[in-house]
Structure formats: structure tokens, C-alpha cells
Amino acid sequence: MKKNSSILLFVICVVSTGFFACEKKMTNQYFANGKTPILTITTTTLTPPTSDSLKKVLALSWTNPHYATDSASELYTIQIDSSGRNFSKAASMQVSGALSDSIMAKRLNDIALGFGFSFNVAYKMDVRVISSYANNNERLTSNVITITYTPYKVPPRVQPPSTDQLYIVGSATADGWNNPVPVPTQQFTRMDSVTYQGTFYLNGGDAYDFLPLNGSWAAKYNVASTAVQGLSQGGSFQYSTGPGSDIPGPAKSGIYQITVNFQTGIFSVSPVQLYSLLYVPGDYQGWSPSSAPTLASIKSDGMYEGYVNISTTGGFKFTDQPTWNGTNYGDTAANGESGILNAGGGNNLNIATAGYYFLQVNSTGLTWSATAITGWGLIGDFNGWSTDVPMTYNSGSQTWTGTISPGSAGGFKMRANGNWNLNYGTGGNAGSMSAGGGNIPITAGTHTISMSLSVPGYYTYTIQ
């Protein structure tokens, strides 16, 4: 034990001696703070012409912040924003080691247009410089200089319609590929020289194009390829006199707002109101769900409606898919006329006589009804709201048509069976109708009125 103690004492002495022998006095190194840079620019008013797009039109310089390190490694960030936003949405450009920079007209123009500025209108923009070390430490912000900039007009990426009009056509639309298309239901509103916008019904899973001239196939707007992902929500489009592909529509039927921007060459599709559908296969059409007429639930709340021309009394059913693999609805009664649904199949639904019917379904309450339509008529100020002017049904176009001759401007409606149980007036979109809606305005003169009830839940009219 005594020997081990002696060894331990020796080790402690050696370590201690080494520790004190290696100890050095360390001194921390401090660098002086830099100085805030002062920004100067060559001009505060810029109105470059399109021809100066690639010219440097704005020269900036700033004083040296005198950081303690090599100035070649210092970083300078130029920021430009719309005045009054405190650079919250600033466009930024970086310069390394230099105390000046110049900006081309194209770059300034892109920044201004990115802020939503209009062509040929003067706007104020704020400019500043932020200096820092290369690692962004010790950021110092310069003074702010306000400039006035007028964006020059950039040629649009896609040629706008020379007609100043734009229409939508296709299997996704209410009128299919028929051309000319009905107006105003399939006509865009011109927002400005390069922007068009419209709200339309689109059949889920179908396609469409844009037309610059209603009634002509000579030119159209479509997409280069449907292989591009996400085109049903929008993307790049092109002007075409032949090549290209039809624009794929959204997967689900409903009302959509479409915005077409020729400046950027981009269109966008936003849902406004999506529909749920029930298919109506039956004896009258070969019991084929995929080709059957549909009923629509406008609010997707289980309340469905639609008009169907049922030409036989061999029965029909409702199904929530274009196949027999979904939920199939039949009647609880053997004769198929109880109005009570069986969601597990049940008996064939039936109507007493073949004809044109307004069908309504409550898939939650499991009820259904069929109202026979013996005819549609026009009634309004032109005839003192008395006797209906009958309308004629065209099974090919699935439209009802009638002619009236108002002696003065006024309003009118369409109603079924000579009573007010089922009538239509103005709807939410141009050319659309809603049940019990307001009077449809009309001018004096002879007019042909056409009404389409072929798209369930989205009923339209045209006045010629």
C-alpha cells in the first residue's frame, strides 16, 4: 500500500507540473463595428421605352461600410419594393465586394409588373441597400430613395383575340362541341386587353377549347400536350390553327371560374360550386349507366334534380356511379311507383306513361318523385302575364323554343304545364336560370327564346 501511494503522488505531481507549464494567457480578438452605407442613384424618374429593354437604366452606388475584414468578401443586397410597404414584399439582388451596380430596364420592368403595376402608368418604388459580412452577419441598412417608374408594355406571350372576344366550346361545356356556342352562357368577359374571365358549367372528365371567333374553327386556343400534369386546374396554353390538344377539364362536374391571361400565357380554373351526380339508366336507353342522363345535387346535400325524356315504361333506376358498382336505388313497391327508395337495389322505378319528366331525389330521406311535363310556355309583360306562348321541344338539341314580340321593353319567364308550380327566371350567371328567379329582361321587337334543360341543375336560355 505504501508503494502504490508513492506512485500516485508522483503522477499527480507530473500532471500538475505539465498543466501549469502549458498554460497560456488567451486574449479575445474584437473587430470594430461597420458604418451604415449611404445610397445614391443616378435618377429618380424612369420611363424607358420597350426598345431600351436590355439597357442599364438605373445606376446605384453606396459608401463603404468599412467592415474589419477584406472588403472583397462583403455582401450587398439591393432591395426594391412598392412605396409604403416597408419592403415587406421586396425584390432583391445581391452584389459581392463591389460598391455599385446597374439595373437593366427589363429587370425593373419585371419587378414593377410583378407588383401588379399597369403598363404606361407611373408608380413609386422604394430602393435601399443592406450591407453585411459574407455570412450575413452585421447587417446595416442604408437610407431609402424613392423613384418613379413607368412600366413599358411587354408583348403578350400568347396572341390575344383580335375580335376582343373569347368563347368556350367542348364536350365539357353545357352545349358540347356545337359551334357557334350559346351566348352569353359560354362567352368570357373581357377584363382588359390581355385578360378574359368567365364562370361556366363544366362536365367532369371532359375537354374544351377557347375560340376567338364564335362559329369558326379556323383558329382556337388549346394546349401543346395533355401530358403536362395539372392542366385541369390551369397552365400554359397556345394559339393554334391546327396542332395541339384539347384542354382537359376538371374531374368533377360543377360551376368553375376560368381566367385566361394572354400576357403570361397562363389560364387558371377555380371551382365555384361542385355537383354530385346520380345516373338514371333504364329500359328507355338500354340500362347503361355510363351513357345515362344524370340528376345533379347542386349543393352536394343529397337533393338531386334533373329533366329526363323517358320514352318507354320498362322501368329505370338511380345509381351514384356510371357503373352498377356503386349504390343503386330502386323502389320499395313492386309497381315501382311508391316514391320510396331502396338503397340496396329494390324494384325498378316506374312512371305511368312515357314522356318528359322532372325527376327529384332525396338520397338521404330515400324519396323520389317524377313530375310529367306536358309543355313549357313563355309568359310576361308582353302578354300581361296571362296566356302562355307555347314552346316547342327539339329532341336533337334538347332545347325548348318559342317566339314572342314585345311592344316595349319588359320582363318574362318560362313556366311548365301552364301554372307556377315550376317556373324559371334569372339565375346567378349570365344566361342561366333558377327556379322561381327574377324576371328575365327583354327589349321590344320579335325574339326567339331557347331554353336548355339538358344539364341537370344548370339551366340556360338564349334570346335572339
Protein backbone atom coordinates (compact mmCIF):
# COMPACT_ATOMS: atom_id res chain seq x y z
CA MET A 1 0.00 0.00 0.00
CA LYS A 2 2.82 2.42 0.78
CA LYS A 3 4.41 1.79 -2.64
CA ASN A 4 1.16 2.48 -4.52
CA SER A 5 0.68 5.73 -2.64
CA SER A 6 4.11 6.93 -3.66
CA ILE A 7 3.37 6.22 -7.34
CA LEU A 8 0.04 8.07 -7.21
CA LEU A 9 1.68 11.09 -5.60
CA PHE A 10 4.30 11.12 -8.38
CA VAL A 11 1.66 11.05 -11.17
CA ILE A 12 -0.25 13.93 -9.63
CA CYS A 13 2.91 16.00 -9.42
CA VAL A 14 3.81 15.32 -13.08
CA VAL A 15 0.31 16.20 -14.35
CA SER A 16 0.17 19.34 -12.26
CA THR A 17 3.59 20.44 -13.43
CA GLY A 18 2.61 19.87 -17.06
CA PHE A 19 -0.64 21.81 -16.64
CA PHE A 20 1.00 24.87 -15.23
CA ALA A 21 3.82 24.62 -17.74
CA CYS A 22 1.35 24.64 -20.78
CA GLU A 23 -0.99 27.33 -19.53
CA LYS A 24 -1.03 30.44 -21.81
CA LYS A 25 -2.79 33.69 -21.39
CA MET A 26 -5.53 33.97 -24.17
CA THR A 27 -6.74 37.33 -25.48
CA ASN A 28 -10.13 37.58 -27.37
CA GLN A 29 -10.00 39.48 -30.69
CA TYR A 30 -12.65 42.15 -31.27
CA PHE A 31 -13.50 43.95 -34.53
CA ALA A 32 -14.87 47.45 -34.74
CA ASN A 33 -18.48 47.89 -35.98
CA GLY A 34 -19.04 48.92 -39.58
CA LYS A 35 -20.69 52.17 -40.72
CA THR A 36 -24.15 52.42 -42.26
CA PRO A 37 -23.80 52.70 -46.06
CA ILE A 38 -25.18 55.76 -47.81
CA LEU A 39 -27.02 55.06 -51.08
CA THR A 40 -27.06 57.35 -54.11
CA ILE A 41 -28.66 56.78 -57.53
CA THR A 42 -28.36 58.49 -60.91
CA THR A 43 -32.04 59.41 -61.42
CA THR A 44 -35.35 59.20 -59.61
CA THR A 45 -37.68 59.19 -62.64
CA LEU A 46 -37.55 56.43 -65.22
CA THR A 47 -39.79 55.92 -68.26
CA PRO A 48 -37.82 53.58 -70.51
CA PRO A 49 -39.24 52.64 -73.93
CA THR A 50 -39.60 49.00 -74.92
CA SER A 51 -36.54 49.37 -77.16
CA ASP A 52 -34.37 50.04 -74.07
CA SER A 53 -35.30 46.70 -72.51
CA LEU A 54 -31.69 45.44 -72.43
CA LYS A 55 -30.11 48.77 -71.48
CA LYS A 56 -28.91 49.62 -67.97
CA VAL A 57 -31.15 52.49 -66.89
CA LEU A 58 -30.56 52.78 -63.14
CA ALA A 59 -27.06 53.13 -61.61
CA LEU A 60 -26.66 52.76 -57.84
CA SER A 61 -23.64 53.34 -55.61
CA TRP A 62 -23.10 53.28 -51.88
CA THR A 63 -20.40 54.19 -49.41
CA ASN A 64 -18.03 51.64 -47.92
CA PRO A 65 -19.29 50.35 -44.55
CA HIS A 66 -15.65 49.76 -43.53
CA TYR A 67 -16.02 46.35 -42.00
CA ALA A 68 -12.84 45.00 -40.35
CA THR A 69 -12.41 42.18 -42.87
CA ASP A 70 -11.46 42.11 -46.53
CA SER A 71 -14.00 44.22 -48.43
CA ALA A 72 -13.98 41.76 -51.35
CA SER A 73 -15.97 39.30 -49.26
CA GLU A 74 -18.63 41.76 -48.15
CA LEU A 75 -22.20 41.25 -49.34
CA TYR A 76 -24.63 43.96 -50.52
CA THR A 77 -28.34 43.32 -51.06
CA ILE A 78 -30.29 45.79 -53.19
CA GLN A 79 -34.00 45.82 -52.35
CA ILE A 80 -36.86 47.37 -54.36
CA ASP A 81 -40.50 47.46 -53.29
CA SER A 82 -43.69 49.36 -53.96
CA SER A 83 -43.62 52.53 -51.84
CA GLY A 84 -45.26 52.41 -48.44
CA ARG A 85 -44.88 48.67 -47.83
CA ASN A 86 -41.69 48.93 -45.76
CA PHE A 87 -40.04 46.37 -48.07
CA SER A 88 -42.42 43.61 -46.93
CA LYS A 89 -42.60 42.21 -50.50
CA ALA A 90 -39.31 43.46 -51.84
CA ALA A 91 -37.48 42.13 -54.88
CA SER A 92 -33.80 41.56 -54.02
CA MET A 93 -30.49 41.49 -55.94
CA GLN A 94 -27.09 40.72 -54.40
CA VAL A 95 -23.66 42.16 -55.14
CA SER A 96 -20.43 40.77 -53.65
CA GLY A 97 -17.47 43.01 -52.87
CA ALA A 98 -18.49 45.97 -55.10
CA LEU A 99 -19.81 49.40 -54.09
CA SER A 100 -22.01 49.95 -57.14
CA ASP A 101 -24.35 48.21 -59.56
CA SER A 102 -26.56 48.97 -62.58
CA ILE A 103 -30.01 47.56 -63.32
CA MET A 104 -31.40 46.88 -66.80
CA ALA A 105 -34.82 48.17 -67.84
CA LYS A 106 -36.07 44.63 -68.31
CA ARG A 107 -35.27 43.76 -64.70
CA LEU A 108 -37.01 46.89 -63.37
CA ASN A 109 -39.98 46.27 -65.63
CA ASP A 110 -40.34 42.67 -64.44
CA ILE A 111 -40.21 43.85 -60.83
CA ALA A 112 -42.88 46.51 -61.44
CA LEU A 113 -45.19 44.13 -63.30
CA GLY A 114 -44.67 41.59 -60.52
CA PHE A 115 -46.12 44.14 -58.12
CA GLY A 116 -49.25 44.25 -60.30
CA PHE A 117 -48.49 47.63 -61.88
CA SER A 118 -50.21 48.51 -65.16
CA PHE A 119 -48.47 49.43 -68.38
CA ASN A 120 -47.75 53.12 -69.05
CA VAL A 121 -48.77 54.24 -65.56
CA ALA A 122 -46.24 55.91 -63.23
CA TYR A 123 -45.70 54.25 -59.83
CA LYS A 124 -43.42 55.00 -56.87
CA MET A 125 -40.94 52.38 -55.69
CA ASP A 126 -38.56 52.45 -52.72
CA VAL A 127 -34.90 51.42 -53.06
CA ARG A 128 -32.33 50.60 -50.38
CA VAL A 129 -29.09 48.62 -49.82
CA ILE A 130 -28.29 46.26 -46.94
CA SER A 131 -24.61 45.54 -46.28
CA SER A 132 -23.27 42.57 -44.34
CA TYR A 133 -20.40 40.15 -43.97
CA ALA A 134 -20.48 37.25 -46.43
CA ASN A 135 -22.29 35.15 -43.82
CA ASN A 136 -25.00 37.86 -43.47
CA ASN A 137 -23.77 38.95 -40.04
CA GLU A 138 -23.80 42.62 -39.00
CA ARG A 139 -26.45 43.78 -41.47
CA LEU A 140 -26.52 47.55 -41.93
CA THR A 141 -29.40 49.21 -43.81
CA SER A 142 -28.89 52.30 -45.95
CA ASN A 143 -31.14 55.28 -46.48
CA VAL A 144 -34.26 54.78 -48.65
CA ILE A 145 -34.60 56.55 -52.01
CA THR A 146 -37.96 56.71 -53.77
CA ILE A 147 -38.04 56.52 -57.54
CA THR A 148 -40.93 56.93 -60.01
CA TYR A 149 -41.11 54.18 -62.59
CA THR A 150 -43.47 53.74 -65.57
CA PRO A 151 -43.64 50.14 -66.85
CA TYR A 152 -43.42 49.74 -70.60
CA LYS A 153 -45.72 47.36 -72.42
CA VAL A 154 -44.34 43.86 -72.95
CA PRO A 155 -45.67 41.86 -75.93
CA PRO A 156 -48.07 39.21 -74.59
CA ARG A 157 -46.79 35.64 -74.54
CA VAL A 158 -49.87 34.45 -76.46
CA GLN A 159 -51.63 36.47 -79.17
CA PRO A 160 -54.89 37.90 -77.73
CA PRO A 161 -58.11 37.59 -79.76
CA SER A 162 -58.23 40.23 -82.50
CA THR A 163 -62.01 40.13 -82.07
CA ASP A 164 -61.71 41.29 -78.43
CA GLN A 165 -63.99 38.33 -77.65
CA LEU A 166 -63.44 34.84 -76.29
CA TYR A 167 -65.71 31.79 -76.06
CA ILE A 168 -65.52 28.29 -74.57
CA VAL A 169 -66.51 25.19 -76.52
CA GLY A 170 -66.18 21.44 -75.95
CA SER A 171 -67.63 18.27 -74.51
CA ALA A 172 -67.04 19.69 -71.04
CA THR A 173 -69.43 22.58 -71.72
CA ALA A 174 -73.20 22.63 -71.49
CA ASP A 175 -73.61 22.80 -75.30
CA GLY A 176 -70.91 20.28 -76.23
CA TRP A 177 -68.87 20.81 -79.41
CA ASN A 178 -71.66 22.74 -81.14
CA ASN A 179 -70.25 25.85 -82.81
CA PRO A 180 -71.42 28.62 -82.64
CA VAL A 181 -71.79 28.37 -78.88
CA PRO A 182 -74.71 29.88 -76.94
CA VAL A 183 -74.23 33.47 -75.78
CA PRO A 184 -73.85 34.71 -73.08
CA THR A 185 -73.58 31.40 -71.22
CA GLN A 186 -70.34 30.38 -72.97
CA GLN A 187 -68.78 33.79 -73.57
CA PHE A 188 -65.94 35.27 -71.50
CA THR A 189 -65.93 38.80 -70.12
CA ARG A 190 -63.02 40.94 -71.35
CA MET A 191 -61.35 42.30 -68.19
CA ASP A 192 -58.62 44.22 -70.06
CA SER A 193 -56.64 43.93 -73.30
CA VAL A 194 -54.92 40.70 -72.19
CA THR A 195 -57.25 39.17 -69.58
CA TYR A 196 -60.57 37.34 -70.01
CA GLN A 197 -62.69 35.72 -67.30
CA GLY A 198 -65.89 33.70 -67.19
CA THR A 199 -67.92 31.37 -64.99
CA PHE A 200 -69.16 28.22 -66.69
CA TYR A 201 -70.65 24.80 -66.09
CA LEU A 202 -68.13 22.03 -66.88
CA ASN A 203 -68.90 18.31 -67.22
CA GLY A 204 -66.45 16.30 -65.16
CA GLY A 205 -63.76 14.43 -67.08
CA ASP A 206 -64.40 16.07 -70.48
CA ALA A 207 -62.43 18.62 -72.54
CA TYR A 208 -62.74 22.09 -74.07
CA ASP A 209 -61.02 24.82 -76.11
CA PHE A 210 -61.25 28.62 -76.35
CA LEU A 211 -62.48 30.33 -79.53
CA PRO A 212 -61.58 33.88 -80.63
CA LEU A 213 -64.48 33.91 -83.11
CA ASN A 214 -67.82 32.29 -82.33
CA GLY A 215 -68.90 29.92 -85.09
CA SER A 216 -65.44 29.45 -86.62
CA TRP A 217 -62.92 26.60 -86.29
CA ALA A 218 -60.20 28.48 -88.21
CA ALA A 219 -58.32 29.30 -85.01
CA LYS A 220 -58.56 28.35 -81.36
CA TYR A 221 -56.62 28.26 -78.12
CA ASN A 222 -55.63 24.87 -76.74
CA VAL A 223 -52.65 23.19 -75.05
CA ALA A 224 -49.48 21.82 -76.62
CA SER A 225 -49.77 18.46 -74.84
CA THR A 226 -52.06 16.81 -72.30
CA ALA A 227 -49.01 15.03 -70.84
CA VAL A 228 -48.40 18.10 -68.66
CA GLN A 229 -49.65 17.41 -65.15
CA GLY A 230 -52.33 19.56 -63.52
CA LEU A 231 -53.85 21.12 -66.65
CA SER A 232 -57.36 20.55 -65.29
CA GLN A 233 -56.55 23.33 -62.77
CA GLY A 234 -54.75 25.52 -65.32
CA GLY A 235 -51.41 26.02 -67.03
CA SER A 236 -49.84 27.19 -70.27
CA PHE A 237 -51.96 27.48 -73.41
CA GLN A 238 -51.27 28.33 -77.05
CA TYR A 239 -52.79 29.91 -80.15
CA SER A 240 -53.45 27.20 -82.72
CA THR A 241 -54.66 26.92 -86.29
CA GLY A 242 -54.40 23.14 -86.24
CA PRO A 243 -51.90 21.42 -83.91
CA GLY A 244 -52.31 20.92 -80.19
CA SER A 245 -54.64 19.11 -77.82
CA ASP A 246 -57.96 19.93 -76.21
CA ILE A 247 -57.75 21.27 -72.67
CA PRO A 248 -58.64 18.57 -70.10
CA GLY A 249 -61.45 19.65 -67.80
CA PRO A 250 -61.76 19.05 -64.05
CA ALA A 251 -62.66 15.57 -62.84
CA LYS A 252 -65.84 16.68 -61.07
CA SER A 253 -68.87 18.38 -62.66
CA GLY A 254 -69.84 21.82 -61.44
CA ILE A 255 -69.52 25.57 -61.88
CA TYR A 256 -65.96 26.86 -62.45
CA GLN A 257 -64.37 30.27 -62.93
CA ILE A 258 -61.80 30.34 -65.73
CA THR A 259 -59.29 33.19 -66.10
CA VAL A 260 -57.26 33.43 -69.33
CA ASN A 261 -54.17 35.68 -69.20
CA PHE A 262 -52.63 36.24 -72.63
CA GLN A 263 -49.82 38.38 -71.16
CA THR A 264 -48.41 35.44 -69.23
CA GLY A 265 -49.84 32.69 -71.46
CA ILE A 266 -51.41 31.05 -68.40
CA PHE A 267 -55.05 30.08 -67.72
CA SER A 268 -56.46 29.11 -64.33
CA VAL A 269 -59.53 27.11 -63.30
CA SER A 270 -61.14 27.59 -59.87
CA PRO A 271 -64.19 25.67 -58.57
CA VAL A 272 -67.17 27.81 -57.61
CA GLN A 273 -69.75 25.11 -56.89
CA LEU A 274 -69.21 21.37 -57.36
CA TYR A 275 -72.06 18.97 -58.15
CA SER A 276 -72.79 15.44 -57.05
CA LEU A 277 -74.48 13.27 -59.68
CA LEU A 278 -76.94 10.40 -59.89
CA TYR A 279 -77.17 8.42 -63.12
CA VAL A 280 -80.56 7.33 -64.50
CA PRO A 281 -80.12 4.12 -66.52
CA GLY A 282 -83.24 2.34 -67.69
CA ASP A 283 -85.13 0.44 -70.33
CA TYR A 284 -85.51 3.64 -72.36
CA GLN A 285 -81.72 3.79 -73.03
CA GLY A 286 -80.52 0.19 -72.72
CA TRP A 287 -79.78 0.08 -68.98
CA SER A 288 -76.32 1.59 -69.50
CA PRO A 289 -75.20 3.79 -66.55
CA SER A 290 -72.21 5.21 -68.45
CA SER A 291 -74.42 6.73 -71.17
CA ALA A 292 -77.43 7.53 -68.97
CA PRO A 293 -78.79 11.03 -68.26
CA THR A 294 -77.92 12.41 -64.84
CA LEU A 295 -79.51 14.25 -61.95
CA ALA A 296 -77.45 16.80 -60.02
CA SER A 297 -77.17 17.78 -56.40
CA ILE A 298 -76.13 21.44 -56.76
CA LYS A 299 -75.12 21.74 -53.12
CA SER A 300 -73.97 18.12 -52.77
CA ASP A 301 -76.54 17.78 -49.97
CA GLY A 302 -78.38 14.67 -51.20
CA MET A 303 -81.08 16.67 -53.01
CA TYR A 304 -80.94 15.81 -56.73
CA GLU A 305 -82.93 17.05 -59.72
CA GLY A 306 -82.95 16.96 -63.50
CA TYR A 307 -85.04 16.61 -66.65
CA VAL A 308 -85.16 13.26 -68.47
CA ASN A 309 -87.06 12.24 -71.57
CA ILE A 310 -88.23 8.72 -70.66
CA SER A 311 -89.52 7.17 -73.85
CA THR A 312 -90.58 3.73 -72.53
CA THR A 313 -92.33 2.38 -69.44
CA GLY A 314 -89.94 -0.54 -68.92
CA GLY A 315 -88.52 0.94 -65.72
CA PHE A 316 -85.31 2.67 -64.58
CA LYS A 317 -83.10 3.11 -61.53
CA PHE A 318 -80.71 5.62 -59.94
CA THR A 319 -77.03 4.87 -59.33
CA ASP A 320 -74.29 7.09 -57.89
CA GLN A 321 -71.64 5.85 -60.35
CA PRO A 322 -71.56 5.46 -64.14
CA THR A 323 -71.45 1.69 -63.49
CA TRP A 324 -73.50 -0.76 -61.43
CA ASN A 325 -70.71 -0.99 -58.83
CA GLY A 326 -71.92 1.89 -56.65
CA THR A 327 -75.11 2.42 -54.66
CA ASN A 328 -78.17 1.53 -56.73
CA TYR A 329 -81.58 2.91 -55.85
CA GLY A 330 -84.85 1.16 -56.68
CA ASP A 331 -88.41 1.42 -55.39
CA THR A 332 -89.72 -0.39 -52.35
CA ALA A 333 -93.01 -1.23 -54.11
CA ALA A 334 -93.45 -3.89 -56.75
CA ASN A 335 -95.02 -1.43 -59.21
CA GLY A 336 -92.10 0.96 -58.74
CA GLU A 337 -94.33 3.97 -58.09
CA SER A 338 -94.36 4.33 -54.28
CA GLY A 339 -91.91 7.24 -54.22
CA ILE A 340 -89.89 5.44 -51.50
CA LEU A 341 -86.37 4.36 -52.40
CA ASN A 342 -84.50 1.20 -51.54
CA ALA A 343 -80.76 1.97 -51.40
CA GLY A 344 -79.88 -1.72 -51.79
CA GLY A 345 -81.36 -2.19 -55.22
CA GLY A 346 -85.09 -2.79 -54.92
CA ASN A 347 -87.66 -2.85 -57.71
CA ASN A 348 -87.43 -0.91 -60.93
CA LEU A 349 -88.69 2.65 -60.65
CA ASN A 350 -91.55 3.40 -62.99
CA ILE A 351 -93.77 6.08 -64.49
CA ALA A 352 -97.34 5.56 -65.72
CA THR A 353 -96.77 6.90 -69.23
CA ALA A 354 -93.71 7.67 -71.31
CA GLY A 355 -92.77 11.33 -71.61
CA TYR A 356 -90.64 14.24 -70.49
CA TYR A 357 -90.21 14.30 -66.68
CA PHE A 358 -88.72 16.45 -63.95
CA LEU A 359 -87.14 13.97 -61.53
CA GLN A 360 -86.29 14.78 -57.90
CA VAL A 361 -84.43 12.53 -55.47
CA ASN A 362 -83.65 12.81 -51.76
CA SER A 363 -80.89 10.25 -51.27
CA THR A 364 -80.82 10.97 -47.52
CA GLY A 365 -84.57 10.72 -46.92
CA LEU A 366 -84.83 7.97 -49.57
CA THR A 367 -87.68 9.54 -51.56
CA TRP A 368 -88.20 10.31 -55.24
CA SER A 369 -90.79 11.95 -57.47
CA ALA A 370 -91.48 12.38 -61.19
CA THR A 371 -93.42 15.39 -62.50
CA ALA A 372 -94.70 14.96 -66.07
CA ILE A 373 -94.00 18.00 -68.23
CA THR A 374 -96.80 18.42 -70.76
CA GLY A 375 -95.26 21.62 -72.11
CA TRP A 376 -93.34 24.81 -71.46
CA GLY A 377 -94.58 28.31 -72.16
CA LEU A 378 -93.42 31.94 -72.21
CA ILE A 379 -95.27 34.48 -70.11
CA GLY A 380 -94.51 38.08 -69.16
CA ASP A 381 -95.16 41.77 -69.63
CA PHE A 382 -95.57 41.24 -73.36
CA ASN A 383 -98.90 39.41 -72.78
CA GLY A 384 -99.97 40.83 -69.44
CA TRP A 385 -98.81 37.69 -67.63
CA SER A 386 -101.91 35.87 -68.85
CA THR A 387 -101.85 33.16 -71.54
CA ASP A 388 -98.60 31.26 -72.14
CA VAL A 389 -96.94 31.29 -75.54
CA PRO A 390 -96.15 27.58 -76.13
CA MET A 391 -92.59 26.41 -76.67
CA THR A 392 -91.58 23.50 -78.95
CA TYR A 393 -89.22 20.71 -77.87
CA ASN A 394 -86.35 19.66 -80.16
CA SER A 395 -85.13 16.22 -79.09
CA GLY A 396 -81.93 16.60 -81.16
CA SER A 397 -80.69 19.77 -79.47
CA GLN A 398 -82.67 19.05 -76.28
CA THR A 399 -83.96 22.62 -76.26
CA TRP A 400 -87.36 24.27 -75.93
CA THR A 401 -88.01 27.19 -78.30
CA GLY A 402 -90.69 29.89 -78.60
CA THR A 403 -91.12 33.29 -80.27
CA ILE A 404 -92.55 36.45 -78.70
CA SER A 405 -92.93 40.05 -79.95
CA PRO A 406 -92.94 42.56 -77.04
CA GLY A 407 -94.17 46.02 -78.00
CA SER A 408 -91.89 47.53 -75.37
CA ALA A 409 -89.10 46.51 -73.02
CA GLY A 410 -90.13 44.36 -70.08
CA GLY A 411 -89.62 41.01 -68.44
CA PHE A 412 -90.69 37.39 -68.91
CA LYS A 413 -90.35 33.87 -67.50
CA MET A 414 -90.68 30.25 -68.57
CA ARG A 415 -93.14 28.02 -66.77
CA ALA A 416 -94.27 24.40 -67.10
CA ASN A 417 -97.75 22.98 -67.53
CA GLY A 418 -99.43 26.39 -67.57
CA ASN A 419 -99.03 27.01 -63.84
CA TRP A 420 -96.50 28.47 -61.41
CA ASN A 421 -95.53 25.20 -59.68
CA LEU A 422 -92.41 25.04 -61.84
CA ASN A 423 -91.05 28.28 -63.33
CA TYR A 424 -87.65 29.78 -64.13
CA GLY A 425 -86.25 33.29 -64.07
CA THR A 426 -82.82 34.91 -63.89
CA GLY A 427 -80.01 32.87 -62.35
CA GLY A 428 -76.64 33.59 -60.80
CA ASN A 429 -74.63 33.59 -64.06
CA ALA A 430 -75.31 35.35 -67.35
CA GLY A 431 -77.78 33.32 -69.39
CA SER A 432 -78.53 30.86 -66.58
CA MET A 433 -81.87 30.33 -64.85
CA SER A 434 -83.00 29.46 -61.36
CA ALA A 435 -86.31 28.10 -60.09
CA GLY A 436 -88.59 30.99 -59.13
CA GLY A 437 -85.93 33.51 -60.21
CA GLY A 438 -86.48 37.14 -61.18
CA ASN A 439 -87.99 38.35 -64.44
CA ILE A 440 -85.70 37.98 -67.46
CA PRO A 441 -85.32 41.38 -69.20
CA ILE A 442 -86.11 41.71 -72.90
CA THR A 443 -86.28 44.57 -75.40
CA ALA A 444 -89.07 45.46 -77.82
CA GLY A 445 -89.23 43.51 -81.08
CA THR A 446 -89.57 39.92 -82.23
CA HIS A 447 -87.36 37.46 -80.35
CA THR A 448 -86.79 33.71 -80.42
CA ILE A 449 -86.26 32.31 -76.93
CA SER A 450 -84.44 28.99 -76.47
CA MET A 451 -84.24 27.14 -73.17
CA SER A 452 -81.91 24.23 -72.39
CA LEU A 453 -82.64 21.88 -69.50
CA SER A 454 -80.22 19.17 -70.63
CA VAL A 455 -77.58 19.86 -67.95
CA PRO A 456 -79.06 18.91 -64.58
CA GLY A 457 -79.08 21.76 -62.10
CA TYR A 458 -77.68 24.22 -64.68
CA TYR A 459 -80.47 25.55 -66.88
CA THR A 460 -79.85 28.20 -69.53
CA TYR A 461 -81.61 30.40 -72.06
CA THR A 462 -80.72 32.47 -75.12
CA ILE A 463 -82.54 35.41 -76.69
CA GLN A 464 -82.21 36.06 -80.42
